[in-house]
């Protein structure tokens, strides 16, 4: 039954997500196999993108109920990214971690490991020290390669607790992996706080140049956590 349902659900690929036929094909897949978590998740995505969040939640909850391994991390990321439901995202990630005996993986867009996302959520609810601990544990995990923005988020969190030495160290590590305007901007903020006028001006200029080249935090759907705007840099 699952196999037949999967074959039916794959037919949805030829339709735009907002077409009636897209939903109808997935409904047919669910009729074939009421336990098709994949079909429920695919149905939910269209409602998420269209702004019908109540229907999205109902459908993704069903997908999680049927297959938590494939869907709990996805729901967690959506709760964080689209709703800034930090506590809900933390709950989902921690539940997945408690149930899984494997690497819980990354956000659906690949920007962050889910443990880094969890750290971001703790930072957002002002549990900065816990966030730092989570960031460092993940960054020091054997065979883990730092993501494109991991050290930046760690650095900002250090900055927010006035630990400028570790903040600057994190921003320098970020530069080695992936430099962008937001990271350079926070370097200039650190140097301003340390009353190093020369480096402050230097990194402000670098941040503006990087921004002009479009080298900045970007997401096609929402704003990154600790996203920096052009006017913020100019007015620093």
Protein backbone atom coordinates (compact mmCIF):
# COMPACT_ATOMS: atom_id res chain seq x y z
CA UNK A 1 0.00 0.00 0.00
CA UNK A 2 2.80 2.41 0.89
CA UNK A 3 4.51 1.71 -2.42
CA UNK A 4 1.35 2.35 -4.43
CA UNK A 5 0.71 5.53 -2.43
CA UNK A 6 4.25 6.75 -3.15
CA UNK A 7 3.80 6.15 -6.87
CA UNK A 8 0.56 8.11 -6.76
CA UNK A 9 2.08 10.96 -4.70
CA UNK A 10 4.93 11.34 -7.18
CA UNK A 11 2.40 12.41 -9.80
CA UNK A 12 2.02 15.67 -7.87
CA UNK A 13 5.48 16.72 -9.11
CA UNK A 14 4.07 17.76 -12.47
CA UNK A 15 1.71 20.28 -10.87
CA UNK A 16 2.32 23.68 -9.29
CA UNK A 17 1.86 23.48 -5.53
CA UNK A 18 -1.09 25.88 -5.59
CA UNK A 19 -2.99 23.97 -8.27
CA UNK A 20 -6.07 21.99 -7.24
CA UNK A 21 -4.66 18.94 -9.00
CA UNK A 22 -1.60 18.97 -6.72
CA UNK A 23 -3.78 18.49 -3.66
CA UNK A 24 -6.08 16.01 -5.38
CA UNK A 25 -3.21 13.70 -6.33
CA UNK A 26 -1.98 13.69 -2.74
CA UNK A 27 -5.51 13.08 -1.47
CA UNK A 28 -5.65 10.04 -3.75
CA UNK A 29 -2.35 8.82 -2.31
CA UNK A 30 -3.78 9.12 1.21
CA UNK A 31 -6.87 7.17 0.16
CA UNK A 32 -4.58 4.38 -1.05
CA UNK A 33 -2.57 4.46 2.17
CA UNK A 34 -3.92 6.54 5.08
CA UNK A 35 -0.50 6.23 6.75
CA UNK A 36 1.39 8.07 4.00
CA UNK A 37 3.39 10.63 5.99
CA UNK A 38 5.02 11.84 2.78
CA UNK A 39 1.66 12.80 1.25
CA UNK A 40 0.60 14.70 4.37
CA UNK A 41 3.88 16.61 4.47
CA UNK A 42 3.71 17.50 0.78
CA UNK A 43 0.14 18.73 1.22
CA UNK A 44 1.21 20.84 4.19
CA UNK A 45 3.95 22.66 2.27
CA UNK A 46 1.51 24.41 -0.08
CA UNK A 47 -0.52 25.69 2.86
CA UNK A 48 2.62 26.95 4.61
CA UNK A 49 3.68 28.91 1.53
CA UNK A 50 0.18 30.31 0.98
CA UNK A 51 -0.12 31.52 4.57
CA UNK A 52 -2.79 29.08 5.73
CA UNK A 53 -0.84 28.17 8.84
CA UNK A 54 -3.68 26.45 10.68
CA UNK A 55 -4.12 23.90 7.89
CA UNK A 56 -0.34 23.54 7.62
CA UNK A 57 -0.09 22.74 11.32
CA UNK A 58 -2.85 20.14 11.15
CA UNK A 59 -1.24 18.37 8.19
CA UNK A 60 2.37 18.49 9.39
CA UNK A 61 1.30 17.25 12.81
CA UNK A 62 -0.23 14.23 11.09
CA UNK A 63 2.99 13.64 9.14
CA UNK A 64 4.99 13.81 12.38
CA UNK A 65 2.58 11.37 14.04
CA UNK A 66 3.10 8.89 11.20
CA UNK A 67 6.87 9.34 10.76
CA UNK A 68 8.64 11.48 13.36
CA UNK A 69 12.10 10.63 11.99
CA UNK A 70 11.49 12.34 8.66
CA UNK A 71 9.24 15.15 9.82
CA UNK A 72 9.91 16.26 13.39
CA UNK A 73 13.09 18.16 12.48
CA UNK A 74 11.32 19.74 9.52
CA UNK A 75 8.44 20.91 11.73
CA UNK A 76 10.93 22.29 14.24
CA UNK A 77 12.69 24.32 11.58
CA UNK A 78 9.41 25.69 10.21
CA UNK A 79 8.32 26.68 13.71
CA UNK A 80 11.55 28.61 14.07
CA UNK A 81 11.87 30.05 10.56
CA UNK A 82 8.32 31.07 9.77
CA UNK A 83 6.73 31.64 13.16
CA UNK A 84 9.63 32.46 15.49
CA UNK A 85 8.11 29.87 17.78
CA UNK A 86 11.42 29.40 19.56
CA UNK A 87 10.11 27.30 22.42
CA UNK A 88 8.12 25.08 20.08
CA UNK A 89 11.17 24.55 17.87
CA UNK A 90 13.32 23.69 20.90
CA UNK A 91 10.71 21.20 22.07
CA UNK A 92 10.64 19.46 18.68
CA UNK A 93 14.43 19.33 18.31
CA UNK A 94 14.94 18.01 21.82
CA UNK A 95 12.21 15.42 21.33
CA UNK A 96 13.80 14.27 18.07
CA UNK A 97 17.18 14.07 19.78
CA UNK A 98 15.70 11.95 22.56
CA UNK A 99 14.06 9.53 20.10
CA UNK A 100 16.84 9.23 17.52
CA UNK A 101 20.05 7.27 17.91
CA UNK A 102 21.59 8.98 14.89
CA UNK A 103 22.67 12.45 13.76
CA UNK A 104 19.46 14.50 13.78
CA UNK A 105 20.60 16.42 10.71
CA UNK A 106 20.09 19.87 9.25
CA UNK A 107 17.40 22.44 8.58
CA UNK A 108 15.46 21.84 5.39
CA UNK A 109 17.40 24.62 3.61
CA UNK A 110 20.73 23.28 4.84
CA UNK A 111 21.79 26.52 6.54
CA UNK A 112 22.11 25.11 10.05
CA UNK A 113 22.51 21.83 11.84
CA UNK A 114 19.41 21.41 14.00
CA UNK A 115 21.53 21.67 17.14
CA UNK A 116 22.80 25.06 15.96
CA UNK A 117 19.17 26.00 15.28
CA UNK A 118 18.37 24.96 18.84
CA UNK A 119 21.16 27.22 20.10
CA UNK A 120 19.74 30.11 18.08
CA UNK A 121 16.35 29.52 19.68
CA UNK A 122 17.81 29.54 23.18
CA UNK A 123 19.64 32.77 22.34
CA UNK A 124 16.38 34.28 21.08
CA UNK A 125 14.64 33.57 24.42
CA UNK A 126 17.57 35.19 26.22
CA UNK A 127 19.23 32.04 27.50
CA UNK A 128 22.56 33.16 26.10
CA UNK A 129 24.91 30.99 28.16
CA UNK A 130 22.91 27.88 27.28
CA UNK A 131 22.98 28.88 23.63
CA UNK A 132 26.76 29.30 23.73
CA UNK A 133 27.15 25.88 25.34
CA UNK A 134 25.03 24.28 22.61
CA UNK A 135 26.90 26.08 19.82
CA UNK A 136 30.29 25.01 21.17
CA UNK A 137 29.22 21.42 21.77
CA UNK A 138 28.08 21.11 18.16
CA UNK A 139 31.12 22.88 16.74
CA UNK A 140 33.39 20.54 18.74
CA UNK A 141 31.50 17.40 17.72
CA UNK A 142 33.79 14.88 16.06
CA UNK A 143 33.68 15.01 12.24
CA UNK A 144 31.38 18.06 12.27
CA UNK A 145 32.25 20.79 9.76
CA UNK A 146 31.14 24.27 10.76
CA UNK A 147 28.27 25.61 8.70
CA UNK A 148 28.22 28.81 6.66
CA UNK A 149 26.96 30.92 9.57
CA UNK A 150 27.68 28.94 12.75
CA UNK A 151 30.56 30.99 14.12
CA UNK A 152 28.71 34.21 13.33
CA UNK A 153 25.76 33.20 15.51
CA UNK A 154 28.17 32.14 18.26
CA UNK A 155 30.04 35.43 17.97
CA UNK A 156 26.91 37.56 18.21
CA UNK A 157 25.83 35.65 21.30
CA UNK A 158 29.22 36.22 22.94
CA UNK A 159 28.94 39.91 22.01
CA UNK A 160 25.54 40.13 23.68
CA UNK A 161 26.98 38.94 27.00
CA UNK A 162 29.91 41.38 26.66
CA UNK A 163 32.50 38.65 26.08
CA UNK A 164 34.29 40.61 23.39
CA UNK A 165 37.42 38.45 23.28
CA UNK A 166 35.50 35.29 22.39
CA UNK A 167 33.15 37.26 20.15
CA UNK A 168 36.04 38.53 18.07
CA UNK A 169 37.64 35.08 18.00
CA UNK A 170 34.36 33.63 16.66
CA UNK A 171 33.99 36.36 14.03
CA UNK A 172 37.56 35.70 12.85
CA UNK A 173 36.80 31.99 12.50
CA UNK A 174 33.65 32.90 10.60
CA UNK A 175 35.73 35.02 8.20
CA UNK A 176 37.94 32.02 7.44
CA UNK A 177 34.89 29.97 6.43
CA UNK A 178 32.55 32.50 4.86
CA UNK A 179 32.88 36.26 5.17
CA UNK A 180 29.83 38.50 4.75
CA UNK A 181 28.70 42.00 5.68
CA UNK A 182 26.89 41.08 8.88
CA UNK A 183 30.00 39.43 10.29
CA UNK A 184 32.23 42.38 9.39
CA UNK A 185 29.69 44.73 10.94
CA UNK A 186 29.85 42.93 14.27
CA UNK A 187 33.64 43.10 14.16
CA UNK A 188 33.35 46.86 13.82
CA UNK A 189 30.96 46.91 16.80
CA UNK A 190 33.45 45.01 18.93
CA UNK A 191 36.27 47.38 18.00
CA UNK A 192 34.03 50.38 18.68
CA UNK A 193 33.31 49.03 22.15
CA UNK A 194 37.04 48.45 22.68
CA UNK A 195 37.65 52.05 21.54
CA UNK A 196 39.86 50.95 18.65
CA UNK A 197 38.85 53.69 16.22
CA UNK A 198 41.10 52.54 13.38
CA UNK A 199 39.76 48.96 13.27
CA UNK A 200 36.22 50.19 13.85
CA UNK A 201 36.37 52.36 10.71
CA UNK A 202 38.17 49.62 8.78
CA UNK A 203 35.53 46.97 9.42
CA UNK A 204 32.64 49.36 8.92
CA UNK A 205 34.02 50.11 5.46
CA UNK A 206 34.51 46.40 4.79
CA UNK A 207 30.95 45.68 5.89
CA UNK A 208 29.57 48.32 3.51
CA UNK A 209 31.64 46.99 0.61
CA UNK A 210 30.51 43.42 1.26
CA UNK A 211 26.89 44.56 1.47
CA UNK A 212 27.25 46.36 -1.87
CA UNK A 213 28.47 43.07 -3.36
CA UNK A 214 25.39 41.33 -1.91
CA UNK A 215 27.58 39.25 0.40
CA UNK A 216 25.23 39.19 3.38
CA UNK A 217 22.90 36.92 5.27
CA UNK A 218 20.03 36.02 2.95
CA UNK A 219 17.04 33.73 2.91
CA UNK A 220 14.43 33.75 0.11
CA UNK A 221 11.51 33.36 2.54
CA UNK A 222 12.39 35.05 5.84
CA UNK A 223 15.12 37.02 7.61
CA UNK A 224 18.04 35.27 9.23
CA UNK A 225 18.44 35.54 12.98
CA UNK A 226 20.79 38.47 13.73
CA UNK A 227 20.34 39.81 10.22
CA UNK A 228 21.96 43.23 9.71
CA UNK A 229 20.57 45.94 7.44
CA UNK A 230 22.42 48.47 5.30
CA UNK A 231 21.11 51.47 7.26
CA UNK A 232 22.25 49.84 10.49
CA UNK A 233 25.82 49.68 9.19
CA UNK A 234 25.74 53.23 7.80
CA UNK A 235 24.40 54.67 11.09
CA UNK A 236 26.82 52.75 13.34
